[in-house]
Amino acid sequence: MKDEDKTREQLLEELNGLRQRVDKLEEVENERRQIEEELKANEHRLVNSQRAAKVGNYDWDLLTNKVIWSDEMYRFFGVDKETNAPTVEDFASFIHPDDLHVLSQENFERAKSERYHEMEYRIIDQTTREVKSVHLWGEVVTDSEGTPIHILGTLQDITESKQAEKALQESEERFRSLFQAMNEGVCLHEVVYDDSNVAIDYRILNANPQYEKMLGLSRDGVLGKLASEVYGSDEPPYLDIYTEVARTGNPARFETYFPPLDKYFSISAFSPGEGRFATVFEDITERKQAEEALRLFKTVVDTSQEAIAITDS
């Protein structure tokens, strides 16, 4: 039908239909833009979260041998995203020479045969030459016939945690060396409580060689045992003092005579953790005996002087 043959009502109806289609197209376009903005926002959040967590990911297409990296992967390896398209060969060159075994054919075949795999190794930043430690989680994607077609990987920079772990290990080794070589006896304990949360004993967890020498007790013979059992007493020695140290974390220092061994000790106690206390003690028996001898000598001298004074008078 020609336009001139259409009635006014028909023209208005067609115009209204056109407007509805235009409105629908605008609605679809607005939805598309909104989805696009949300995708960009999500991508931005993902990039920021990966940067904060030091996590990157990649997609290795086994059919084309092409690799796609996230932005954080480029930062890991210190390469420019704009000028360096990642390749499998590049990836191999970025790994620390001592860790190249992770790329062995054996490991590759094992990774393909298992859906999930993980490993740790070191990489070299291509800009700063800094050696970094990373942890890899990988997932193999297969086609309908079970043939591997993609490997999806997530890489996390664990350099700081590795450095902290190494520092802790070195600190523990230094402490262990000091622990073994100290002239004082050292012993670690944990407080034992009853059902009412009342301290009733304490258990020996560790002791150094000087502990054995001073007390004449075998380390292997006391570890894991209760103090009341080790020292043959109804009540564990100095339980109140040690319980307070373990409870409050406040250290204590005192000198005491220990009847079971007929010795004097200077004891320092501190808490290395909740419910635990350590004692560092020194045998001061000779010093105490010397002090007692000096006191007796002084008493004798004073008594003699008084006797002489009485005689002279």
C-alpha atoms as a PDB file:
ATOM      1  CA  MET A   1       0.000   0.000   0.000  1.00  0.00           C
ATOM      2  CA  LYS A   2       1.322   3.384  -0.996  1.00  0.00           C
ATOM      3  CA  ASP A   3       1.694   6.033   1.701  1.00  0.00           C
ATOM      4  CA  GLU A   4      -0.906   8.265  -0.020  1.00  0.00           C
ATOM      5  CA  ASP A   5      -3.428   5.438   0.154  1.00  0.00           C
ATOM      6  CA  LYS A   6      -2.944   4.950   3.930  1.00  0.00           C
ATOM      7  CA  THR A   7      -5.340   6.505   6.351  1.00  0.00           C
ATOM      8  CA  ARG A   8      -4.220   8.855   9.067  1.00  0.00           C
ATOM      9  CA  GLU A   9      -4.854   6.158  11.632  1.00  0.00           C
ATOM     10  CA  GLN A  10      -2.648   3.660   9.807  1.00  0.00           C
ATOM     11  CA  LEU A  11       0.183   6.171   9.523  1.00  0.00           C
ATOM     12  CA  LEU A  12      -0.055   6.997  13.220  1.00  0.00           C
ATOM     13  CA  GLU A  13      -0.067   3.303  14.061  1.00  0.00           C
ATOM     14  CA  GLU A  14       3.069   2.678  11.987  1.00  0.00           C
ATOM     15  CA  LEU A  15       4.740   5.710  13.538  1.00  0.00           C
ATOM     16  CA  ASN A  16       3.916   4.429  16.991  1.00  0.00           C
ATOM     17  CA  GLY A  17       5.342   1.029  16.051  1.00  0.00           C
ATOM     18  CA  LEU A  18       8.545   2.651  14.837  1.00  0.00           C
ATOM     19  CA  ARG A  19       8.832   4.598  18.090  1.00  0.00           C
ATOM     20  CA  GLN A  20       8.397   1.392  20.094  1.00  0.00           C
ATOM     21  CA  ARG A  21      11.112  -0.333  18.079  1.00  0.00           C
ATOM     22  CA  VAL A  22      13.417   2.669  18.554  1.00  0.00           C
ATOM     23  CA  ASP A  23      12.687   2.646  22.292  1.00  0.00           C
ATOM     24  CA  LYS A  24      13.425  -1.079  22.398  1.00  0.00           C
ATOM     25  CA  LEU A  25      16.693  -0.575  20.532  1.00  0.00           C
ATOM     26  CA  GLU A  26      17.663   2.200  22.957  1.00  0.00           C
ATOM     27  CA  GLU A  27      16.773  -0.065  25.874  1.00  0.00           C
ATOM     28  CA  VAL A  28      18.915  -2.873  24.450  1.00  0.00           C
ATOM     29  CA  GLU A  29      21.772  -0.427  23.836  1.00  0.00           C
ATOM     30  CA  ASN A  30      21.522   0.900  27.392  1.00  0.00           C
ATOM     31  CA  GLU A  31      21.599  -2.651  28.741  1.00  0.00           C
ATOM     32  CA  ARG A  32      24.627  -3.415  26.559  1.00  0.00           C
ATOM     33  CA  ARG A  33      26.424  -0.321  27.834  1.00  0.00           C
ATOM     34  CA  GLN A  34      25.540  -1.190  31.415  1.00  0.00           C
ATOM     35  CA  ILE A  35      26.833  -4.742  30.994  1.00  0.00           C
ATOM     36  CA  GLU A  36      29.974  -3.378  29.345  1.00  0.00           C
ATOM     37  CA  GLU A  37      30.537  -0.949  32.230  1.00  0.00           C
ATOM     38  CA  GLU A  38      29.972  -3.732  34.767  1.00  0.00           C
ATOM     39  CA  LEU A  39      32.437  -5.950  32.911  1.00  0.00           C
ATOM     40  CA  LYS A  40      35.013  -3.159  32.907  1.00  0.00           C
ATOM     41  CA  ALA A  41      34.382  -2.511  36.608  1.00  0.00           C
ATOM     42  CA  ASN A  42      34.724  -6.229  37.388  1.00  0.00           C
ATOM     43  CA  GLU A  43      37.898  -6.416  35.332  1.00  0.00           C
ATOM     44  CA  HIS A  44      39.259  -3.382  37.185  1.00  0.00           C
ATOM     45  CA  ARG A  45      38.392  -4.965  40.534  1.00  0.00           C
ATOM     46  CA  LEU A  46      40.001  -8.232  39.436  1.00  0.00           C
ATOM     47  CA  VAL A  47      43.185  -6.441  38.384  1.00  0.00           C
ATOM     48  CA  ASN A  48      43.324  -4.554  41.692  1.00  0.00           C
ATOM     49  CA  SER A  49      42.587  -7.642  43.761  1.00  0.00           C
ATOM     50  CA  GLN A  50      45.238  -9.643  41.894  1.00  0.00           C
ATOM     51  CA  ARG A  51      47.739  -6.863  42.416  1.00  0.00           C
ATOM     52  CA  ALA A  52      46.932  -6.662  46.129  1.00  0.00           C
ATOM     53  CA  ALA A  53      47.120 -10.437  46.547  1.00  0.00           C
ATOM     54  CA  LYS A  54      50.109 -10.711  44.193  1.00  0.00           C
ATOM     55  CA  VAL A  55      48.212 -13.267  42.145  1.00  0.00           C
ATOM     56  CA  GLY A  56      48.290 -13.655  38.368  1.00  0.00           C
ATOM     57  CA  ASN A  57      46.734 -16.152  36.016  1.00  0.00           C
ATOM     58  CA  TYR A  58      47.354 -17.534  32.551  1.00  0.00           C
ATOM     59  CA  ASP A  59      45.670 -19.660  29.883  1.00  0.00           C
ATOM     60  CA  TRP A  60      47.920 -21.963  27.882  1.00  0.00           C
ATOM     61  CA  ASP A  61      46.299 -23.246  24.690  1.00  0.00           C
ATOM     62  CA  LEU A  62      47.930 -26.629  24.090  1.00  0.00           C
ATOM     63  CA  LEU A  63      46.647 -26.820  20.510  1.00  0.00           C
ATOM     64  CA  THR A  64      48.139 -23.515  19.343  1.00  0.00           C
ATOM     65  CA  ASN A  65      50.851 -23.276  22.054  1.00  0.00           C
ATOM     66  CA  LYS A  66      49.746 -19.688  22.698  1.00  0.00           C
ATOM     67  CA  VAL A  67      49.649 -18.225  26.194  1.00  0.00           C
ATOM     68  CA  ILE A  68      47.442 -15.446  27.554  1.00  0.00           C
ATOM     69  CA  TRP A  69      48.584 -13.637  30.706  1.00  0.00           C
ATOM     70  CA  SER A  70      46.756 -11.408  33.162  1.00  0.00           C
ATOM     71  CA  ASP A  71      48.329  -8.016  33.906  1.00  0.00           C
ATOM     72  CA  GLU A  72      49.835  -9.239  37.157  1.00  0.00           C
ATOM     73  CA  MET A  73      51.796 -11.929  35.325  1.00  0.00           C
ATOM     74  CA  TYR A  74      53.649  -9.226  33.402  1.00  0.00           C
ATOM     75  CA  ARG A  75      54.506  -7.515  36.698  1.00  0.00           C
ATOM     76  CA  PHE A  76      55.723 -10.819  38.165  1.00  0.00           C
ATOM     77  CA  PHE A  77      58.202 -11.316  35.366  1.00  0.00           C
ATOM     78  CA  GLY A  78      59.071  -7.648  34.869  1.00  0.00           C
ATOM     79  CA  VAL A  79      58.154  -7.537  31.175  1.00  0.00           C
ATOM     80  CA  ASP A  80      56.265  -4.903  29.170  1.00  0.00           C
ATOM     81  CA  LYS A  81      52.759  -5.966  28.218  1.00  0.00           C
ATOM     82  CA  GLU A  82      52.720  -3.699  25.158  1.00  0.00           C
ATOM     83  CA  THR A  83      55.913  -5.021  23.582  1.00  0.00           C
ATOM     84  CA  ASN A  84      56.198  -8.594  24.860  1.00  0.00           C
ATOM     85  CA  ALA A  85      53.621 -11.190  23.885  1.00  0.00           C
ATOM     86  CA  PRO A  86      54.254 -14.161  26.196  1.00  0.00           C
ATOM     87  CA  THR A  87      55.410 -17.463  24.740  1.00  0.00           C
ATOM     88  CA  VAL A  88      56.118 -20.832  26.303  1.00  0.00           C
ATOM     89  CA  GLU A  89      59.802 -20.354  25.463  1.00  0.00           C
ATOM     90  CA  ASP A  90      59.846 -16.994  27.272  1.00  0.00           C
ATOM     91  CA  PHE A  91      58.297 -18.586  30.325  1.00  0.00           C
ATOM     92  CA  ALA A  92      61.098 -21.146  30.440  1.00  0.00           C
ATOM     93  CA  SER A  93      63.760 -18.435  30.208  1.00  0.00           C
ATOM     94  CA  PHE A  94      62.227 -16.562  33.160  1.00  0.00           C
ATOM     95  CA  ILE A  95      62.597 -19.487  35.566  1.00  0.00           C
ATOM     96  CA  HIS A  96      65.611 -19.648  37.866  1.00  0.00           C
ATOM     97  CA  PRO A  97      68.250 -22.006  36.376  1.00  0.00           C
ATOM     98  CA  ASP A  98      68.258 -24.185  39.498  1.00  0.00           C
ATOM     99  CA  ASP A  99      64.497 -24.743  39.188  1.00  0.00           C
ATOM    100  CA  LEU A 100      64.248 -25.589  35.487  1.00  0.00           C
ATOM    101  CA  HIS A 101      63.408 -29.174  36.414  1.00  0.00           C
ATOM    102  CA  VAL A 102      59.802 -28.032  36.935  1.00  0.00           C
ATOM    103  CA  LEU A 103      59.557 -27.793  33.133  1.00  0.00           C
ATOM    104  CA  SER A 104      60.823 -31.308  32.540  1.00  0.00           C
ATOM    105  CA  GLN A 105      58.884 -33.504  30.143  1.00  0.00           C
ATOM    106  CA  GLU A 106      58.137 -35.831  33.033  1.00  0.00           C
ATOM    107  CA  ASN A 107      56.490 -33.029  35.031  1.00  0.00           C
ATOM    108  CA  PHE A 108      54.638 -31.832  31.934  1.00  0.00           C
ATOM    109  CA  GLU A 109      53.197 -35.280  31.248  1.00  0.00           C
ATOM    110  CA  ARG A 110      52.265 -35.679  34.916  1.00  0.00           C
ATOM    111  CA  ALA A 111      50.507 -32.301  34.897  1.00  0.00           C
ATOM    112  CA  LYS A 112      48.503 -33.268  31.802  1.00  0.00           C
ATOM    113  CA  SER A 113      47.494 -36.607  33.301  1.00  0.00           C
ATOM    114  CA  GLU A 114      46.153 -35.007  36.490  1.00  0.00           C
ATOM    115  CA  ARG A 115      43.362 -32.475  36.458  1.00  0.00           C
ATOM    116  CA  TYR A 116      44.943 -30.371  39.205  1.00  0.00           C
ATOM    117  CA  HIS A 117      48.586 -29.816  40.040  1.00  0.00           C
ATOM    118  CA  GLU A 118      50.678 -27.372  42.051  1.00  0.00           C
ATOM    119  CA  MET A 119      54.331 -26.590  42.621  1.00  0.00           C
ATOM    120  CA  GLU A 120      56.721 -23.951  43.918  1.00  0.00           C
ATOM    121  CA  TYR A 121      59.735 -22.537  42.116  1.00  0.00           C
ATOM    122  CA  ARG A 122      61.743 -19.357  41.617  1.00  0.00           C
ATOM    123  CA  ILE A 123      61.583 -16.871  38.767  1.00  0.00           C
ATOM    124  CA  ILE A 124      63.784 -13.950  37.740  1.00  0.00           C
ATOM    125  CA  ASP A 125      62.340 -10.470  37.245  1.00  0.00           C
ATOM    126  CA  GLN A 126      63.527  -9.437  33.789  1.00  0.00           C
ATOM    127  CA  THR A 127      63.719  -5.752  34.770  1.00  0.00           C
ATOM    128  CA  THR A 128      65.246  -5.807  38.260  1.00  0.00           C
ATOM    129  CA  ARG A 129      66.851  -9.300  38.071  1.00  0.00           C
ATOM    130  CA  GLU A 130      65.286  -9.944  41.461  1.00  0.00           C
ATOM    131  CA  VAL A 131      64.754 -13.596  42.328  1.00  0.00           C
ATOM    132  CA  LYS A 132      61.148 -14.240  43.346  1.00  0.00           C
ATOM    133  CA  SER A 133      59.422 -17.298  44.762  1.00  0.00           C
ATOM    134  CA  VAL A 134      56.049 -18.289  43.313  1.00  0.00           C
ATOM    135  CA  HIS A 135      53.406 -20.922  43.975  1.00  0.00           C
ATOM    136  CA  LEU A 136      51.543 -22.381  41.001  1.00  0.00           C
ATOM    137  CA  TRP A 137      48.089 -23.952  40.968  1.00  0.00           C
ATOM    138  CA  GLY A 138      47.230 -25.507  37.596  1.00  0.00           C
ATOM    139  CA  GLU A 139      44.097 -27.046  36.099  1.00  0.00           C
ATOM    140  CA  VAL A 140      43.969 -29.115  32.912  1.00  0.00           C
ATOM    141  CA  VAL A 141      40.948 -28.599  30.633  1.00  0.00           C
ATOM    142  CA  THR A 142      40.087 -31.447  28.257  1.00  0.00           C
ATOM    143  CA  ASP A 143      37.812 -31.837  25.257  1.00  0.00           C
ATOM    144  CA  SER A 144      34.892 -34.267  25.042  1.00  0.00           C
ATOM    145  CA  GLU A 145      37.296 -37.124  24.332  1.00  0.00           C
ATOM    146  CA  GLY A 146      39.473 -36.371  27.354  1.00  0.00           C
ATOM    147  CA  THR A 147      42.341 -34.874  25.400  1.00  0.00           C
ATOM    148  CA  PRO A 148      44.034 -31.934  27.211  1.00  0.00           C
ATOM    149  CA  ILE A 149      43.464 -28.703  25.291  1.00  0.00           C
ATOM    150  CA  HIS A 150      44.170 -25.957  27.852  1.00  0.00           C
ATOM    151  CA  ILE A 151      46.137 -25.519  31.051  1.00  0.00           C
ATOM    152  CA  LEU A 152      44.774 -22.789  33.298  1.00  0.00           C
ATOM    153  CA  GLY A 153      47.239 -21.568  35.884  1.00  0.00           C
ATOM    154  CA  THR A 154      47.206 -19.275  38.893  1.00  0.00           C
ATOM    155  CA  LEU A 155      50.527 -17.925  40.098  1.00  0.00           C
ATOM    156  CA  GLN A 156      51.082 -16.232  43.465  1.00  0.00           C
ATOM    157  CA  ASP A 157      54.171 -14.290  44.495  1.00  0.00           C
ATOM    158  CA  ILE A 158      55.197 -15.848  47.832  1.00  0.00           C
ATOM    159  CA  THR A 159      58.595 -14.143  48.043  1.00  0.00           C
ATOM    160  CA  GLU A 160      57.808 -12.276  51.269  1.00  0.00           C
ATOM    161  CA  SER A 161      56.427 -15.355  53.015  1.00  0.00           C
ATOM    162  CA  LYS A 162      59.465 -17.372  51.890  1.00  0.00           C
ATOM    163  CA  GLN A 163      61.802 -14.690  53.210  1.00  0.00           C
ATOM    164  CA  ALA A 164      59.896 -14.601  56.500  1.00  0.00           C
ATOM    165  CA  GLU A 165      60.012 -18.396  56.652  1.00  0.00           C
ATOM    166  CA  LYS A 166      63.771 -18.364  56.064  1.00  0.00           C
ATOM    167  CA  ALA A 167      64.295 -15.652  58.693  1.00  0.00           C
ATOM    168  CA  LEU A 168      62.221 -17.648  61.179  1.00  0.00           C
ATOM    169  CA  GLN A 169      64.183 -20.796  60.408  1.00  0.00           C
ATOM    170  CA  GLU A 170      67.492 -18.975  60.904  1.00  0.00           C
ATOM    171  CA  SER A 171      66.189 -17.482  64.147  1.00  0.00           C
ATOM    172  CA  GLU A 172      65.113 -20.913  65.364  1.00  0.00           C
ATOM    173  CA  GLU A 173      68.515 -22.340  64.471  1.00  0.00           C
ATOM    174  CA  ARG A 174      70.262 -19.547  66.390  1.00  0.00           C
ATOM    175  CA  PHE A 175      67.946 -20.123  69.350  1.00  0.00           C
ATOM    176  CA  ARG A 176      68.549 -23.864  69.179  1.00  0.00           C
ATOM    177  CA  SER A 177      72.311 -23.331  69.158  1.00  0.00           C
ATOM    178  CA  LEU A 178      72.055 -20.937  72.097  1.00  0.00           C
ATOM    179  CA  PHE A 179      69.674 -23.316  73.869  1.00  0.00           C
ATOM    180  CA  GLN A 180      72.160 -26.151  73.536  1.00  0.00           C
ATOM    181  CA  ALA A 181      75.256 -24.128  74.460  1.00  0.00           C
ATOM    182  CA  MET A 182      73.960 -22.100  77.417  1.00  0.00           C
ATOM    183  CA  ASN A 183      75.734 -22.452  80.749  1.00  0.00           C
ATOM    184  CA  GLU A 184      72.369 -22.168  82.486  1.00  0.00           C
ATOM    185  CA  GLY A 185      69.791 -24.916  82.599  1.00  0.00           C
ATOM    186  CA  VAL A 186      66.751 -24.196  80.434  1.00  0.00           C
ATOM    187  CA  CYS A 187      63.445 -26.010  80.504  1.00  0.00           C
ATOM    188  CA  LEU A 188      60.121 -25.446  78.716  1.00  0.00           C
ATOM    189  CA  HIS A 189      56.848 -26.454  80.379  1.00  0.00           C
ATOM    190  CA  GLU A 190      53.089 -26.326  79.918  1.00  0.00           C
ATOM    191  CA  VAL A 191      50.674 -25.881  82.811  1.00  0.00           C
ATOM    192  CA  VAL A 192      48.218 -28.729  83.421  1.00  0.00           C
ATOM    193  CA  TYR A 193      44.723 -27.752  84.604  1.00  0.00           C
ATOM    194  CA  ASP A 194      41.880 -29.795  86.070  1.00  0.00           C
ATOM    195  CA  ASP A 195      38.253 -29.690  84.903  1.00  0.00           C
ATOM    196  CA  SER A 196      37.679 -26.560  86.999  1.00  0.00           C
ATOM    197  CA  ASN A 197      40.558 -24.779  85.232  1.00  0.00           C
ATOM    198  CA  VAL A 198      42.712 -24.920  88.341  1.00  0.00           C
ATOM    199  CA  ALA A 199      46.431 -25.504  87.803  1.00  0.00           C
ATOM    200  CA  ILE A 200      47.422 -28.844  89.337  1.00  0.00           C
ATOM    201  CA  ASP A 201      50.756 -29.635  87.698  1.00  0.00           C
ATOM    202  CA  TYR A 202      53.021 -28.820  84.782  1.00  0.00           C
ATOM    203  CA  ARG A 203      54.507 -30.967  82.041  1.00  0.00           C
ATOM    204  CA  ILE A 204      58.107 -30.811  80.797  1.00  0.00           C
ATOM    205  CA  LEU A 205      58.270 -30.180  77.041  1.00  0.00           C
ATOM    206  CA  ASN A 206      61.959 -29.569  76.406  1.00  0.00           C
ATOM    207  CA  ALA A 207      65.253 -29.229  78.239  1.00  0.00           C
ATOM    208  CA  ASN A 208      68.825 -28.396  77.311  1.00  0.00           C
ATOM    209  CA  PRO A 209      72.012 -30.370  78.114  1.00  0.00           C
ATOM    210  CA  GLN A 210      72.848 -28.144  81.096  1.00  0.00           C
ATOM    211  CA  TYR A 211      69.495 -29.076  82.647  1.00  0.00           C
ATOM    212  CA  GLU A 212      70.628 -32.700  82.596  1.00  0.00           C
ATOM    213  CA  LYS A 213      74.030 -31.823  84.039  1.00  0.00           C
ATOM    214  CA  MET A 214      72.716 -29.638  86.864  1.00  0.00           C
ATOM    215  CA  LEU A 215      69.844 -31.863  87.935  1.00  0.00           C
ATOM    216  CA  GLY A 216      71.350 -35.235  87.099  1.00  0.00           C
ATOM    217  CA  LEU A 217      68.272 -36.152  85.082  1.00  0.00           C
ATOM    218  CA  SER A 218      68.063 -37.585  81.586  1.00  0.00           C
ATOM    219  CA  ARG A 219      66.316 -35.356  79.028  1.00  0.00           C
ATOM    220  CA  ASP A 220      64.679 -38.358  77.397  1.00  0.00           C
ATOM    221  CA  GLY A 221      63.529 -39.517  80.807  1.00  0.00           C
ATOM    222  CA  VAL A 222      61.691 -36.301  81.686  1.00  0.00           C
ATOM    223  CA  LEU A 223      60.178 -35.095  78.397  1.00  0.00           C
ATOM    224  CA  GLY A 224      56.400 -35.356  78.397  1.00  0.00           C
ATOM    225  CA  LYS A 225      56.251 -36.172  82.101  1.00  0.00           C
ATOM    226  CA  LEU A 226      54.626 -34.230  84.932  1.00  0.00           C
ATOM    227  CA  ALA A 227      56.840 -32.253  87.296  1.00  0.00           C
ATOM    228  CA  SER A 228      55.372 -33.996  90.353  1.00  0.00           C
ATOM    229  CA  GLU A 229      56.457 -37.327  88.857  1.00  0.00           C
ATOM    230  CA  VAL A 230      59.916 -36.150  87.778  1.00  0.00           C
ATOM    231  CA  TYR A 231      60.815 -34.452  91.062  1.00  0.00           C
ATOM    232  CA  GLY A 232      59.026 -36.954  93.323  1.00  0.00           C
ATOM    233  CA  SER A 233      56.914 -34.395  95.187  1.00  0.00           C
ATOM    234  CA  ASP A 234      53.216 -34.298  96.054  1.00  0.00           C
ATOM    235  CA  GLU A 235      52.978 -30.757  94.741  1.00  0.00           C
ATOM    236  CA  PRO A 236      54.990 -29.592  91.710  1.00  0.00           C
ATOM    237  CA  PRO A 237      57.791 -27.220  92.745  1.00  0.00           C
ATOM    238  CA  TYR A 238      56.830 -23.525  92.698  1.00  0.00           C
ATOM    239  CA  LEU A 239      53.507 -24.233  90.936  1.00  0.00           C
ATOM    240  CA  ASP A 240      51.904 -20.975  92.116  1.00  0.00           C
ATOM    241  CA  ILE A 241      54.749 -18.833  90.784  1.00  0.00           C
ATOM    242  CA  TYR A 242      54.909 -20.603  87.431  1.00  0.00           C
ATOM    243  CA  THR A 243      51.130 -20.592  86.955  1.00  0.00           C
ATOM    244  CA  GLU A 244      51.063 -16.834  87.504  1.00  0.00           C
ATOM    245  CA  VAL A 245      53.846 -16.355  84.962  1.00  0.00           C
ATOM    246  CA  ALA A 246      52.000 -18.467  82.379  1.00  0.00           C
ATOM    247  CA  ARG A 247      48.702 -16.707  83.095  1.00  0.00           C
ATOM    248  CA  THR A 248      49.866 -13.077  83.078  1.00  0.00           C
ATOM    249  CA  GLY A 249      52.970 -13.204  80.921  1.00  0.00           C
ATOM    250  CA  ASN A 250      54.862 -11.319  83.635  1.00  0.00           C
ATOM    251  CA  PRO A 251      58.342 -12.776  84.279  1.00  0.00           C
ATOM    252  CA  ALA A 252      59.541 -13.799  87.737  1.00  0.00           C
ATOM    253  CA  ARG A 253      62.960 -14.214  89.316  1.00  0.00           C
ATOM    254  CA  PHE A 254      63.774 -15.799  92.650  1.00  0.00           C
ATOM    255  CA  GLU A 255      66.380 -17.799  94.577  1.00  0.00           C
ATOM    256  CA  THR A 256      65.457 -20.988  96.348  1.00  0.00           C
ATOM    257  CA  TYR A 257      66.714 -24.080  98.114  1.00  0.00           C
ATOM    258  CA  PHE A 258      65.495 -27.295  96.470  1.00  0.00           C
ATOM    259  CA  PRO A 259      65.495 -30.112  99.084  1.00  0.00           C
ATOM    260  CA  PRO A 260      65.203 -33.114  96.689  1.00  0.00           C
ATOM    261  CA  LEU A 261      68.593 -32.183  95.207  1.00  0.00           C
ATOM    262  CA  ASP A 262      70.020 -30.401  98.255  1.00  0.00           C
ATOM    263  CA  LYS A 263      70.942 -27.468  96.025  1.00  0.00           C
ATOM    264  CA  TYR A 264      70.320 -23.743  95.773  1.00  0.00           C
ATOM    265  CA  PHE A 265      69.112 -22.270  92.481  1.00  0.00           C
ATOM    266  CA  SER A 266      68.590 -18.839  90.974  1.00  0.00           C
ATOM    267  CA  ILE A 267      65.533 -19.195  88.730  1.00  0.00           C
ATOM    268  CA  SER A 268      64.139 -16.859  86.061  1.00  0.00           C
ATOM    269  CA  ALA A 269      60.748 -17.745  84.594  1.00  0.00           C
ATOM    270  CA  PHE A 270      58.959 -16.235  81.593  1.00  0.00           C
ATOM    271  CA  SER A 271      56.058 -17.171  79.329  1.00  0.00           C
ATOM    272  CA  PRO A 272      56.772 -17.847  75.614  1.00  0.00           C
ATOM    273  CA  GLY A 273      53.084 -18.481  74.932  1.00  0.00           C
ATOM    274  CA  GLU A 274      49.677 -18.959  76.504  1.00  0.00           C
ATOM    275  CA  GLY A 275      49.628 -21.706  79.118  1.00  0.00           C
ATOM    276  CA  ARG A 276      53.384 -22.185  78.928  1.00  0.00           C
ATOM    277  CA  PHE A 277      56.434 -21.045  80.839  1.00  0.00           C
ATOM    278  CA  ALA A 278      60.181 -21.500  80.532  1.00  0.00           C
ATOM    279  CA  THR A 279      62.713 -21.535  83.330  1.00  0.00           C
ATOM    280  CA  VAL A 280      66.344 -20.483  83.124  1.00  0.00           C
ATOM    281  CA  PHE A 281      68.173 -21.556  86.239  1.00  0.00           C
ATOM    282  CA  GLU A 282      71.662 -21.473  87.664  1.00  0.00           C
ATOM    283  CA  ASP A 283      73.144 -23.620  90.409  1.00  0.00           C
ATOM    284  CA  ILE A 284      74.199 -21.156  93.111  1.00  0.00           C
ATOM    285  CA  THR A 285      74.907 -23.751  95.796  1.00  0.00           C
ATOM    286  CA  GLU A 286      78.605 -22.873  96.047  1.00  0.00           C
ATOM    287  CA  ARG A 287      77.799 -19.179  96.291  1.00  0.00           C
ATOM    288  CA  LYS A 288      75.220 -19.809  99.001  1.00  0.00           C
ATOM    289  CA  GLN A 289      77.648 -22.024 100.898  1.00  0.00           C
ATOM    290  CA  ALA A 290      80.305 -19.326 100.655  1.00  0.00           C
ATOM    291  CA  GLU A 291      77.814 -16.718 101.875  1.00  0.00           C
ATOM    292  CA  GLU A 292      76.819 -18.984 104.763  1.00  0.00           C
ATOM    293  CA  ALA A 293      80.477 -19.610 105.647  1.00  0.00           C
ATOM    294  CA  LEU A 294      81.128 -15.874 105.558  1.00  0.00           C
ATOM    295  CA  ARG A 295      78.097 -15.262 107.766  1.00  0.00           C
ATOM    296  CA  LEU A 296      79.269 -17.852 110.287  1.00  0.00           C
ATOM    297  CA  PHE A 297      82.787 -16.429 110.227  1.00  0.00           C
ATOM    298  CA  LYS A 298      81.405 -12.945 110.826  1.00  0.00           C
ATOM    299  CA  THR A 299      79.314 -14.289 113.693  1.00  0.00           C
ATOM    300  CA  VAL A 300      82.373 -15.948 115.225  1.00  0.00           C
ATOM    301  CA  VAL A 301      84.430 -12.776 114.833  1.00  0.00           C
ATOM    302  CA  ASP A 302      81.693 -10.623 116.335  1.00  0.00           C
ATOM    303  CA  THR A 303      81.270 -13.065 119.213  1.00  0.00           C
ATOM    304  CA  SER A 304      85.038 -13.159 119.812  1.00  0.00           C
ATOM    305  CA  GLN A 305      85.231  -9.375 119.848  1.00  0.00           C
ATOM    306  CA  GLU A 306      82.408  -9.230 122.370  1.00  0.00           C
ATOM    307  CA  ALA A 307      84.185 -11.829 124.541  1.00  0.00           C
ATOM    308  CA  ILE A 308      87.441  -9.881 124.353  1.00  0.00           C
ATOM    309  CA  ALA A 309      85.645  -6.690 125.269  1.00  0.00           C
ATOM    310  CA  ILE A 310      84.022  -8.361 128.283  1.00  0.00           C
ATOM    311  CA  THR A 311      87.393  -9.782 129.423  1.00  0.00           C
ATOM    312  CA  ASP A 312      89.101  -6.425 129.101  1.00  0.00           C
ATOM    313  CA  SER A 313      86.456  -4.765 131.169  1.00  0.00           C
END
